[in-house]
Amino acid sequence: MDVPLRTAYSQAGRYGMQPKAKQSSRAGAAKTRTETVELVEEKQKLLDIREKGERERCASRRYLLNIIVKLICKNLSTFFN
Protein backbone atom coordinates (compact mmCIF):
# COMPACT_ATOMS: atom_id res chain seq x y z
CA MET A 1 0.00 0.00 0.00
CA ASP A 2 1.37 3.40 -0.95
CA VAL A 3 1.35 6.12 1.70
CA PRO A 4 1.17 9.65 0.28
CA LEU A 5 4.08 11.82 1.31
CA ARG A 6 3.54 15.32 2.59
CA THR A 7 5.01 17.87 0.28
CA ALA A 8 6.27 21.34 1.03
CA TYR A 9 3.48 22.69 -1.14
CA SER A 10 0.76 20.99 0.85
CA GLN A 11 2.31 22.15 4.13
CA ALA A 12 2.62 25.71 2.88
CA GLY A 13 -0.92 25.63 1.62
CA ARG A 14 -2.22 24.34 4.90
CA TYR A 15 -0.15 26.44 7.28
CA GLY A 16 0.57 29.45 5.10
CA MET A 17 -2.80 31.03 5.78
CA GLN A 18 -2.53 31.06 9.55
CA PRO A 19 0.05 33.86 9.87
CA LYS A 20 -1.94 35.96 7.45
CA ALA A 21 -5.05 35.49 9.55
CA LYS A 22 -3.15 36.48 12.69
CA GLN A 23 -1.60 39.42 10.91
CA SER A 24 -4.94 40.61 9.62
CA SER A 25 -6.53 40.22 13.06
CA ARG A 26 -3.66 42.23 14.53
CA ALA A 27 -4.14 44.83 11.83
CA GLY A 28 -7.86 44.87 12.60
CA ALA A 29 -7.17 45.31 16.30
CA ALA A 30 -4.68 48.09 15.56
CA LYS A 31 -7.23 49.76 13.30
CA THR A 32 -9.86 49.49 16.02
CA ARG A 33 -7.47 51.02 18.57
CA THR A 34 -6.61 53.80 16.12
CA GLU A 35 -10.28 54.51 15.46
CA THR A 36 -10.99 54.48 19.20
CA VAL A 37 -8.18 56.96 19.86
CA GLU A 38 -9.45 59.17 17.03
CA LEU A 39 -12.98 59.07 18.46
CA VAL A 40 -11.74 59.91 21.95
CA GLU A 41 -9.69 62.81 20.58
CA GLU A 42 -12.66 64.06 18.54
CA LYS A 43 -14.93 63.82 21.59
CA GLN A 44 -12.39 65.77 23.65
CA LYS A 45 -12.27 68.48 20.97
CA LEU A 46 -16.06 68.73 21.00
CA LEU A 47 -16.09 68.91 24.80
CA ASP A 48 -13.44 71.64 24.71
CA ILE A 49 -15.48 73.63 22.17
CA ARG A 50 -18.61 73.19 24.29
CA GLU A 51 -16.78 74.25 27.46
CA LYS A 52 -15.36 77.31 25.71
CA GLY A 53 -18.85 78.28 24.53
CA GLU A 54 -20.24 77.89 28.04
CA ARG A 55 -17.45 80.04 29.49
CA GLU A 56 -18.16 82.74 26.91
CA ARG A 57 -21.89 82.64 27.61
CA CYS A 58 -21.29 82.87 31.35
CA ALA A 59 -18.92 85.79 30.85
CA SER A 60 -21.44 87.64 28.71
CA ARG A 61 -24.20 86.95 31.25
CA ARG A 62 -22.02 88.25 34.08
CA TYR A 63 -21.22 91.34 32.01
CA LEU A 64 -24.90 92.01 31.29
CA LEU A 65 -25.87 91.34 34.89
CA ASN A 66 -23.21 93.77 36.05
CA ILE A 67 -24.58 96.46 33.72
CA ILE A 68 -28.15 95.83 34.92
CA VAL A 69 -27.10 96.07 38.57
CA LYS A 70 -25.27 99.35 37.90
CA LEU A 71 -28.32 100.79 36.13
CA ILE A 72 -30.62 99.72 38.96
CA CYS A 73 -28.27 101.20 41.56
CA LYS A 74 -28.02 104.43 39.58
CA ASN A 75 -31.81 104.67 39.25
CA LEU A 76 -32.33 103.87 42.93
CA SER A 77 -29.84 106.51 44.00
CA THR A 78 -31.62 109.15 41.89
CA PHE A 79 -35.00 107.97 43.16
CA PHE A 80 -34.04 108.32 46.84
CA ASN A 81 -32.16 111.59 46.43
C-alpha atoms as a PDB file:
ATOM      1  CA  MET A   1       0.000   0.000   0.000  1.00  0.00           C
ATOM      2  CA  ASP A   2       1.372   3.405  -0.954  1.00  0.00           C
ATOM      3  CA  VAL A   3       1.349   6.117   1.699  1.00  0.00           C
ATOM      4  CA  PRO A   4       1.170   9.648   0.276  1.00  0.00           C
ATOM      5  CA  LEU A   5       4.077  11.821   1.307  1.00  0.00           C
ATOM      6  CA  ARG A   6       3.540  15.322   2.593  1.00  0.00           C
ATOM      7  CA  THR A   7       5.015  17.875   0.282  1.00  0.00           C
ATOM      8  CA  ALA A   8       6.268  21.337   1.030  1.00  0.00           C
ATOM      9  CA  TYR A   9       3.483  22.691  -1.138  1.00  0.00           C
ATOM     10  CA  SER A  10       0.755  20.989   0.851  1.00  0.00           C
ATOM     11  CA  GLN A  11       2.308  22.151   4.128  1.00  0.00           C
ATOM     12  CA  ALA A  12       2.623  25.712   2.876  1.00  0.00           C
ATOM     13  CA  GLY A  13      -0.922  25.632   1.616  1.00  0.00           C
ATOM     14  CA  ARG A  14      -2.220  24.337   4.904  1.00  0.00           C
ATOM     15  CA  TYR A  15      -0.153  26.435   7.279  1.00  0.00           C
ATOM     16  CA  GLY A  16       0.566  29.453   5.102  1.00  0.00           C
ATOM     17  CA  MET A  17      -2.803  31.031   5.778  1.00  0.00           C
ATOM     18  CA  GLN A  18      -2.529  31.060   9.555  1.00  0.00           C
ATOM     19  CA  PRO A  19       0.053  33.857   9.870  1.00  0.00           C
ATOM     20  CA  LYS A  20      -1.945  35.958   7.446  1.00  0.00           C
ATOM     21  CA  ALA A  21      -5.049  35.493   9.550  1.00  0.00           C
ATOM     22  CA  LYS A  22      -3.148  36.478  12.694  1.00  0.00           C
ATOM     23  CA  GLN A  23      -1.603  39.417  10.909  1.00  0.00           C
ATOM     24  CA  SER A  24      -4.944  40.609   9.621  1.00  0.00           C
ATOM     25  CA  SER A  25      -6.526  40.218  13.061  1.00  0.00           C
ATOM     26  CA  ARG A  26      -3.656  42.227  14.534  1.00  0.00           C
ATOM     27  CA  ALA A  27      -4.138  44.831  11.830  1.00  0.00           C
ATOM     28  CA  GLY A  28      -7.856  44.872  12.597  1.00  0.00           C
ATOM     29  CA  ALA A  29      -7.167  45.309  16.296  1.00  0.00           C
ATOM     30  CA  ALA A  30      -4.678  48.087  15.564  1.00  0.00           C
ATOM     31  CA  LYS A  31      -7.226  49.758  13.298  1.00  0.00           C
ATOM     32  CA  THR A  32      -9.861  49.485  16.023  1.00  0.00           C
ATOM     33  CA  ARG A  33      -7.474  51.017  18.567  1.00  0.00           C
ATOM     34  CA  THR A  34      -6.607  53.802  16.119  1.00  0.00           C
ATOM     35  CA  GLU A  35     -10.279  54.507  15.457  1.00  0.00           C
ATOM     36  CA  THR A  36     -10.991  54.480  19.196  1.00  0.00           C
ATOM     37  CA  VAL A  37      -8.183  56.957  19.858  1.00  0.00           C
ATOM     38  CA  GLU A  38      -9.446  59.167  17.031  1.00  0.00           C
ATOM     39  CA  LEU A  39     -12.978  59.075  18.456  1.00  0.00           C
ATOM     40  CA  VAL A  40     -11.737  59.909  21.948  1.00  0.00           C
ATOM     41  CA  GLU A  41      -9.692  62.815  20.577  1.00  0.00           C
ATOM     42  CA  GLU A  42     -12.664  64.062  18.538  1.00  0.00           C
ATOM     43  CA  LYS A  43     -14.933  63.815  21.591  1.00  0.00           C
ATOM     44  CA  GLN A  44     -12.389  65.772  23.654  1.00  0.00           C
ATOM     45  CA  LYS A  45     -12.266  68.480  20.968  1.00  0.00           C
ATOM     46  CA  LEU A  46     -16.057  68.730  21.003  1.00  0.00           C
ATOM     47  CA  LEU A  47     -16.092  68.912  24.802  1.00  0.00           C
ATOM     48  CA  ASP A  48     -13.435  71.645  24.708  1.00  0.00           C
ATOM     49  CA  ILE A  49     -15.476  73.631  22.168  1.00  0.00           C
ATOM     50  CA  ARG A  50     -18.606  73.192  24.290  1.00  0.00           C
ATOM     51  CA  GLU A  51     -16.777  74.249  27.457  1.00  0.00           C
ATOM     52  CA  LYS A  52     -15.363  77.314  25.710  1.00  0.00           C
ATOM     53  CA  GLY A  53     -18.846  78.284  24.535  1.00  0.00           C
ATOM     54  CA  GLU A  54     -20.242  77.888  28.039  1.00  0.00           C
ATOM     55  CA  ARG A  55     -17.454  80.042  29.486  1.00  0.00           C
ATOM     56  CA  GLU A  56     -18.156  82.741  26.907  1.00  0.00           C
ATOM     57  CA  ARG A  57     -21.895  82.635  27.610  1.00  0.00           C
ATOM     58  CA  CYS A  58     -21.289  82.870  31.348  1.00  0.00           C
ATOM     59  CA  ALA A  59     -18.919  85.786  30.854  1.00  0.00           C
ATOM     60  CA  SER A  60     -21.443  87.641  28.706  1.00  0.00           C
ATOM     61  CA  ARG A  61     -24.200  86.951  31.250  1.00  0.00           C
ATOM     62  CA  ARG A  62     -22.019  88.253  34.079  1.00  0.00           C
ATOM     63  CA  TYR A  63     -21.218  91.336  32.014  1.00  0.00           C
ATOM     64  CA  LEU A  64     -24.900  92.015  31.287  1.00  0.00           C
ATOM     65  CA  LEU A  65     -25.873  91.336  34.895  1.00  0.00           C
ATOM     66  CA  ASN A  66     -23.210  93.770  36.052  1.00  0.00           C
ATOM     67  CA  ILE A  67     -24.580  96.462  33.716  1.00  0.00           C
ATOM     68  CA  ILE A  68     -28.147  95.831  34.917  1.00  0.00           C
ATOM     69  CA  VAL A  69     -27.099  96.068  38.574  1.00  0.00           C
ATOM     70  CA  LYS A  70     -25.274  99.345  37.897  1.00  0.00           C
ATOM     71  CA  LEU A  71     -28.317 100.786  36.130  1.00  0.00           C
ATOM     72  CA  ILE A  72     -30.616  99.719  38.963  1.00  0.00           C
ATOM     73  CA  CYS A  73     -28.275 101.197  41.564  1.00  0.00           C
ATOM     74  CA  LYS A  74     -28.024 104.434  39.579  1.00  0.00           C
ATOM     75  CA  ASN A  75     -31.809 104.673  39.252  1.00  0.00           C
ATOM     76  CA  LEU A  76     -32.334 103.875  42.933  1.00  0.00           C
ATOM     77  CA  SER A  77     -29.839 106.513  43.998  1.00  0.00           C
ATOM     78  CA  THR A  78     -31.620 109.152  41.893  1.00  0.00           C
ATOM     79  CA  PHE A  79     -34.996 107.969  43.157  1.00  0.00           C
ATOM     80  CA  PHE A  80     -34.043 108.322  46.839  1.00  0.00           C
ATOM     81  CA  ASN A  81     -32.162 111.588  46.430  1.00  0.00           C
END
